[in-house]
Amino acid sequence: MSKGNEIPPLLKKQAEQSLAKFVDQAPKGKVFIATFKGARVLIQEQVPHPKNAKPLNLPYALLDYTDQGWQLLFRGTSGQWQLMPGDLPSAHIEEKLEQIRVDALGVF
């Protein structure tokens, strides 16, 4: 996981564009928010609060950038972020966003 890594400016710009497209193309009824936090991108799903109209932002996925590329993490039943089984680093964030869209393991 990233510790002290910085996303190179060109890669960050590409990631921002890919994330904007991912957020804009969310499935009907879903609202996503993507936030950079150092070398990580937190994707949250915005859902209505069950008792009032205030929206809640729930952790959905975490993209972690290292010098080897992007890795995808999901929130496990323990509440901790876990690396997707079999996930290999990728230089292209689009590959990780596609994994989220497809959700082959049913974790999202």
N, C-alpha and C. Protein backbone atom coordinates (compact mmCIF):
# COMPACT_ATOMS: atom_id res chain seq x y z
N MET A 1 0.84 -1.18 0.00
CA MET A 1 0.00 0.00 0.00
C MET A 1 0.89 1.24 0.00
N SER A 2 0.30 2.32 -0.44
CA SER A 2 1.09 3.53 -0.61
C SER A 2 1.49 4.14 0.73
N LYS A 3 2.75 4.47 0.81
CA LYS A 3 3.26 5.20 1.96
C LYS A 3 4.28 6.18 1.39
N GLY A 4 3.89 7.43 1.27
CA GLY A 4 4.80 8.43 0.77
C GLY A 4 4.87 8.51 -0.74
N ASN A 5 4.15 7.64 -1.46
CA ASN A 5 4.15 7.72 -2.91
C ASN A 5 3.34 8.93 -3.36
N GLU A 6 3.76 9.50 -4.45
CA GLU A 6 2.99 10.57 -5.07
C GLU A 6 2.61 10.12 -6.46
N ILE A 7 1.42 10.51 -6.88
CA ILE A 7 0.99 10.20 -8.23
C ILE A 7 1.64 11.21 -9.16
N PRO A 8 2.38 10.75 -10.17
CA PRO A 8 2.98 11.70 -11.12
C PRO A 8 1.88 12.58 -11.75
N PRO A 9 2.19 13.85 -11.99
CA PRO A 9 1.18 14.80 -12.48
C PRO A 9 0.39 14.31 -13.71
N LEU A 10 1.08 13.73 -14.70
CA LEU A 10 0.36 13.26 -15.89
C LEU A 10 -0.59 12.12 -15.56
N LEU A 11 -0.13 11.18 -14.73
CA LEU A 11 -1.00 10.06 -14.32
C LEU A 11 -2.18 10.56 -13.49
N LYS A 12 -1.94 11.57 -12.65
CA LYS A 12 -3.03 12.11 -11.85
C LYS A 12 -4.08 12.76 -12.74
N LYS A 13 -3.63 13.49 -13.76
CA LYS A 13 -4.56 14.14 -14.69
C LYS A 13 -5.38 13.08 -15.43
N GLN A 14 -4.73 12.01 -15.88
CA GLN A 14 -5.44 10.93 -16.55
C GLN A 14 -6.44 10.26 -15.59
N ALA A 15 -6.02 10.07 -14.35
CA ALA A 15 -6.90 9.47 -13.35
C ALA A 15 -8.11 10.36 -13.09
N GLU A 16 -7.90 11.66 -12.99
CA GLU A 16 -9.01 12.60 -12.77
C GLU A 16 -10.03 12.50 -13.90
N GLN A 17 -9.55 12.42 -15.15
CA GLN A 17 -10.45 12.31 -16.30
C GLN A 17 -11.21 10.99 -16.28
N SER A 18 -10.50 9.90 -16.00
CA SER A 18 -11.15 8.58 -15.95
C SER A 18 -12.17 8.50 -14.83
N LEU A 19 -11.84 9.07 -13.68
CA LEU A 19 -12.76 9.06 -12.54
C LEU A 19 -13.99 9.91 -12.81
N ALA A 20 -13.80 11.05 -13.47
CA ALA A 20 -14.96 11.90 -13.82
C ALA A 20 -15.92 11.14 -14.73
N LYS A 21 -15.37 10.40 -15.68
CA LYS A 21 -16.20 9.59 -16.58
C LYS A 21 -16.91 8.48 -15.80
N PHE A 22 -16.17 7.82 -14.90
CA PHE A 22 -16.74 6.75 -14.08
C PHE A 22 -17.91 7.28 -13.25
N VAL A 23 -17.73 8.43 -12.62
CA VAL A 23 -18.77 9.04 -11.79
C VAL A 23 -19.98 9.43 -12.65
N ASP A 24 -19.71 10.02 -13.82
CA ASP A 24 -20.80 10.44 -14.71
C ASP A 24 -21.59 9.26 -15.27
N GLN A 25 -20.94 8.12 -15.44
CA GLN A 25 -21.59 6.95 -16.03
C GLN A 25 -22.03 5.93 -14.98
N ALA A 26 -22.25 6.39 -13.77
CA ALA A 26 -22.71 5.49 -12.70
C ALA A 26 -24.03 4.86 -13.11
N PRO A 27 -24.26 3.61 -12.70
CA PRO A 27 -25.55 2.98 -13.02
C PRO A 27 -26.72 3.79 -12.48
N LYS A 28 -27.86 3.65 -13.13
CA LYS A 28 -29.05 4.39 -12.72
C LYS A 28 -29.34 4.14 -11.23
N GLY A 29 -29.57 5.23 -10.52
CA GLY A 29 -29.88 5.13 -9.10
C GLY A 29 -28.67 5.21 -8.19
N LYS A 30 -27.47 5.20 -8.77
CA LYS A 30 -26.25 5.29 -7.95
C LYS A 30 -25.58 6.63 -8.16
N VAL A 31 -25.03 7.16 -7.08
CA VAL A 31 -24.25 8.41 -7.14
C VAL A 31 -22.90 8.11 -6.50
N PHE A 32 -21.84 8.34 -7.27
CA PHE A 32 -20.49 8.11 -6.77
C PHE A 32 -19.75 9.43 -6.61
N ILE A 33 -18.85 9.46 -5.65
CA ILE A 33 -17.96 10.59 -5.40
C ILE A 33 -16.55 10.02 -5.33
N ALA A 34 -15.62 10.63 -6.06
CA ALA A 34 -14.22 10.18 -6.03
C ALA A 34 -13.36 11.31 -5.46
N THR A 35 -12.54 10.96 -4.46
CA THR A 35 -11.71 11.95 -3.78
C THR A 35 -10.27 11.45 -3.70
N PHE A 36 -9.34 12.31 -4.12
CA PHE A 36 -7.92 11.97 -3.97
C PHE A 36 -7.50 12.25 -2.53
N LYS A 37 -6.78 11.29 -1.97
CA LYS A 37 -6.20 11.43 -0.63
C LYS A 37 -4.75 10.94 -0.73
N GLY A 38 -3.86 11.87 -1.05
CA GLY A 38 -2.47 11.49 -1.27
C GLY A 38 -2.37 10.62 -2.51
N ALA A 39 -1.80 9.42 -2.36
CA ALA A 39 -1.64 8.50 -3.49
C ALA A 39 -2.80 7.51 -3.58
N ARG A 40 -3.90 7.87 -2.98
CA ARG A 40 -5.09 7.00 -3.00
C ARG A 40 -6.29 7.77 -3.53
N VAL A 41 -7.22 7.01 -4.08
CA VAL A 41 -8.50 7.57 -4.51
C VAL A 41 -9.59 6.80 -3.79
N LEU A 42 -10.38 7.51 -3.02
CA LEU A 42 -11.50 6.92 -2.32
C LEU A 42 -12.75 7.14 -3.16
N ILE A 43 -13.43 6.06 -3.49
CA ILE A 43 -14.71 6.15 -4.19
C ILE A 43 -15.79 5.85 -3.17
N GLN A 44 -16.74 6.78 -3.05
CA GLN A 44 -17.84 6.62 -2.12
C GLN A 44 -19.16 6.59 -2.88
N GLU A 45 -20.11 5.86 -2.33
CA GLU A 45 -21.46 5.86 -2.88
C GLU A 45 -22.32 6.75 -1.99
N GLN A 46 -23.03 7.68 -2.60
CA GLN A 46 -23.90 8.57 -1.85
C GLN A 46 -25.30 7.96 -1.81
N VAL A 47 -25.79 7.74 -0.58
CA VAL A 47 -27.12 7.14 -0.39
C VAL A 47 -27.92 8.02 0.56
N PRO A 48 -29.26 7.97 0.47
CA PRO A 48 -30.05 8.78 1.40
C PRO A 48 -29.98 8.22 2.81
N HIS A 49 -29.96 9.09 3.78
CA HIS A 49 -30.00 8.68 5.18
C HIS A 49 -31.36 8.04 5.44
N PRO A 50 -31.43 6.95 6.19
CA PRO A 50 -32.71 6.26 6.39
C PRO A 50 -33.73 7.07 7.21
N LYS A 51 -33.27 8.07 7.99
CA LYS A 51 -34.20 8.81 8.84
C LYS A 51 -34.41 10.26 8.46
N ASN A 52 -33.50 10.82 7.66
CA ASN A 52 -33.68 12.21 7.23
C ASN A 52 -33.20 12.37 5.80
N ALA A 53 -33.30 13.54 5.27
CA ALA A 53 -32.97 13.77 3.86
C ALA A 53 -31.48 13.95 3.61
N LYS A 54 -30.68 14.00 4.67
CA LYS A 54 -29.24 14.19 4.50
C LYS A 54 -28.60 12.98 3.83
N PRO A 55 -27.79 13.20 2.79
CA PRO A 55 -27.14 12.05 2.15
C PRO A 55 -25.96 11.54 2.98
N LEU A 56 -25.73 10.25 2.87
CA LEU A 56 -24.58 9.60 3.51
C LEU A 56 -23.59 9.20 2.42
N ASN A 57 -22.32 9.38 2.66
CA ASN A 57 -21.28 8.93 1.74
C ASN A 57 -20.63 7.68 2.33
N LEU A 58 -20.89 6.55 1.70
CA LEU A 58 -20.39 5.27 2.19
C LEU A 58 -19.19 4.81 1.38
N PRO A 59 -18.13 4.32 2.04
CA PRO A 59 -16.96 3.82 1.31
C PRO A 59 -17.38 2.72 0.33
N TYR A 60 -16.88 2.80 -0.88
CA TYR A 60 -17.26 1.85 -1.93
C TYR A 60 -16.05 1.09 -2.47
N ALA A 61 -15.00 1.83 -2.82
CA ALA A 61 -13.78 1.21 -3.33
C ALA A 61 -12.60 2.14 -3.04
N LEU A 62 -11.42 1.56 -3.02
CA LEU A 62 -10.21 2.34 -2.79
C LEU A 62 -9.19 1.95 -3.86
N LEU A 63 -8.65 2.95 -4.52
CA LEU A 63 -7.60 2.74 -5.52
C LEU A 63 -6.31 3.27 -4.92
N ASP A 64 -5.31 2.43 -4.87
CA ASP A 64 -4.05 2.76 -4.23
C ASP A 64 -2.94 2.80 -5.28
N TYR A 65 -2.25 3.94 -5.38
CA TYR A 65 -1.17 4.07 -6.36
C TYR A 65 0.18 3.80 -5.69
N THR A 66 0.96 2.91 -6.29
CA THR A 66 2.34 2.67 -5.86
C THR A 66 3.22 2.85 -7.08
N ASP A 67 4.52 2.75 -6.90
CA ASP A 67 5.42 2.89 -8.05
C ASP A 67 5.23 1.76 -9.06
N GLN A 68 4.51 0.72 -8.68
CA GLN A 68 4.23 -0.39 -9.59
C GLN A 68 2.90 -0.22 -10.32
N GLY A 69 2.08 0.74 -9.90
CA GLY A 69 0.80 0.98 -10.56
C GLY A 69 -0.36 1.03 -9.57
N TRP A 70 -1.57 1.02 -10.12
CA TRP A 70 -2.79 1.10 -9.31
C TRP A 70 -3.19 -0.28 -8.81
N GLN A 71 -3.67 -0.33 -7.57
CA GLN A 71 -4.24 -1.55 -7.02
C GLN A 71 -5.63 -1.23 -6.50
N LEU A 72 -6.52 -2.22 -6.55
CA LEU A 72 -7.91 -2.05 -6.15
C LEU A 72 -8.17 -2.75 -4.82
N LEU A 73 -8.80 -2.02 -3.91
CA LEU A 73 -9.17 -2.58 -2.61
C LEU A 73 -10.67 -2.44 -2.40
N PHE A 74 -11.23 -3.36 -1.63
CA PHE A 74 -12.64 -3.30 -1.27
C PHE A 74 -12.77 -3.34 0.24
N ARG A 75 -13.92 -2.92 0.73
CA ARG A 75 -14.17 -2.92 2.18
C ARG A 75 -14.69 -4.29 2.58
N GLY A 76 -13.92 -5.02 3.36
CA GLY A 76 -14.31 -6.36 3.79
C GLY A 76 -15.35 -6.32 4.90
N THR A 77 -15.83 -7.47 5.30
CA THR A 77 -16.85 -7.56 6.34
C THR A 77 -16.34 -7.06 7.68
N SER A 78 -15.01 -7.01 7.85
CA SER A 78 -14.42 -6.49 9.09
C SER A 78 -14.38 -4.97 9.09
N GLY A 79 -14.69 -4.36 7.94
CA GLY A 79 -14.63 -2.91 7.82
C GLY A 79 -13.26 -2.41 7.37
N GLN A 80 -12.32 -3.32 7.21
CA GLN A 80 -10.96 -2.95 6.77
C GLN A 80 -10.86 -3.07 5.25
N TRP A 81 -9.99 -2.23 4.66
CA TRP A 81 -9.75 -2.33 3.22
C TRP A 81 -8.91 -3.57 2.95
N GLN A 82 -9.32 -4.32 1.92
CA GLN A 82 -8.61 -5.54 1.54
C GLN A 82 -8.30 -5.49 0.05
N LEU A 83 -7.13 -5.98 -0.30
CA LEU A 83 -6.75 -6.06 -1.70
C LEU A 83 -7.65 -7.07 -2.41
N MET A 84 -8.10 -6.72 -3.60
CA MET A 84 -8.92 -7.65 -4.37
C MET A 84 -8.12 -8.92 -4.62
N PRO A 85 -8.72 -10.09 -4.41
CA PRO A 85 -8.01 -11.34 -4.66
C PRO A 85 -7.50 -11.40 -6.10
N GLY A 86 -6.22 -11.74 -6.25
CA GLY A 86 -5.61 -11.86 -7.56
C GLY A 86 -5.30 -10.55 -8.25
N ASP A 87 -5.49 -9.43 -7.55
CA ASP A 87 -5.26 -8.12 -8.16
C ASP A 87 -3.77 -7.89 -8.38
N LEU A 88 -3.43 -7.46 -9.58
CA LEU A 88 -2.05 -7.09 -9.90
C LEU A 88 -2.01 -5.60 -10.20
N PRO A 89 -0.92 -4.94 -9.85
CA PRO A 89 -0.83 -3.51 -10.15
C PRO A 89 -0.97 -3.24 -11.65
N SER A 90 -1.60 -2.12 -11.97
CA SER A 90 -1.78 -1.72 -13.36
C SER A 90 -1.42 -0.24 -13.51
N ALA A 91 -0.77 0.08 -14.61
CA ALA A 91 -0.44 1.47 -14.89
C ALA A 91 -1.68 2.27 -15.29
N HIS A 92 -2.77 1.56 -15.61
CA HIS A 92 -3.98 2.21 -16.13
C HIS A 92 -5.13 2.11 -15.13
N ILE A 93 -5.56 3.23 -14.60
CA ILE A 93 -6.64 3.24 -13.63
C ILE A 93 -7.95 2.74 -14.25
N GLU A 94 -8.09 2.89 -15.58
CA GLU A 94 -9.30 2.45 -16.25
C GLU A 94 -9.54 0.95 -16.04
N GLU A 95 -8.46 0.17 -15.98
CA GLU A 95 -8.60 -1.27 -15.75
C GLU A 95 -9.24 -1.54 -14.39
N LYS A 96 -8.85 -0.77 -13.40
CA LYS A 96 -9.41 -0.95 -12.06
C LYS A 96 -10.87 -0.48 -12.00
N LEU A 97 -11.17 0.61 -12.70
CA LEU A 97 -12.56 1.09 -12.73
C LEU A 97 -13.45 0.08 -13.44
N GLU A 98 -12.92 -0.58 -14.46
CA GLU A 98 -13.69 -1.61 -15.16
C GLU A 98 -13.94 -2.80 -14.23
N GLN A 99 -12.96 -3.14 -13.40
CA GLN A 99 -13.16 -4.22 -12.42
C GLN A 99 -14.31 -3.87 -11.47
N ILE A 100 -14.39 -2.60 -11.08
CA ILE A 100 -15.48 -2.16 -10.20
C ILE A 100 -16.81 -2.30 -10.93
N ARG A 101 -16.86 -1.84 -12.19
CA ARG A 101 -18.10 -1.91 -12.98
C ARG A 101 -18.58 -3.35 -13.13
N VAL A 102 -17.65 -4.24 -13.50
CA VAL A 102 -18.00 -5.64 -13.75
C VAL A 102 -18.32 -6.36 -12.44
N ASP A 103 -17.56 -6.10 -11.40
CA ASP A 103 -17.75 -6.68 -10.08
C ASP A 103 -17.91 -8.20 -10.13
N ALA A 104 -16.94 -8.85 -10.76
CA ALA A 104 -16.98 -10.30 -10.95
C ALA A 104 -17.07 -11.08 -9.64
N LEU A 105 -16.54 -10.55 -8.55
CA LEU A 105 -16.56 -11.25 -7.26
C LEU A 105 -17.73 -10.84 -6.37
N GLY A 106 -18.50 -9.86 -6.82
CA GLY A 106 -19.67 -9.43 -6.05
C GLY A 106 -19.35 -8.69 -4.75
N VAL A 107 -18.24 -7.97 -4.72
CA VAL A 107 -17.86 -7.27 -3.50
C VAL A 107 -18.29 -5.80 -3.50
N PHE A 108 -18.73 -5.30 -4.65
CA PHE A 108 -19.14 -3.89 -4.71
C PHE A 108 -20.62 -3.78 -4.74
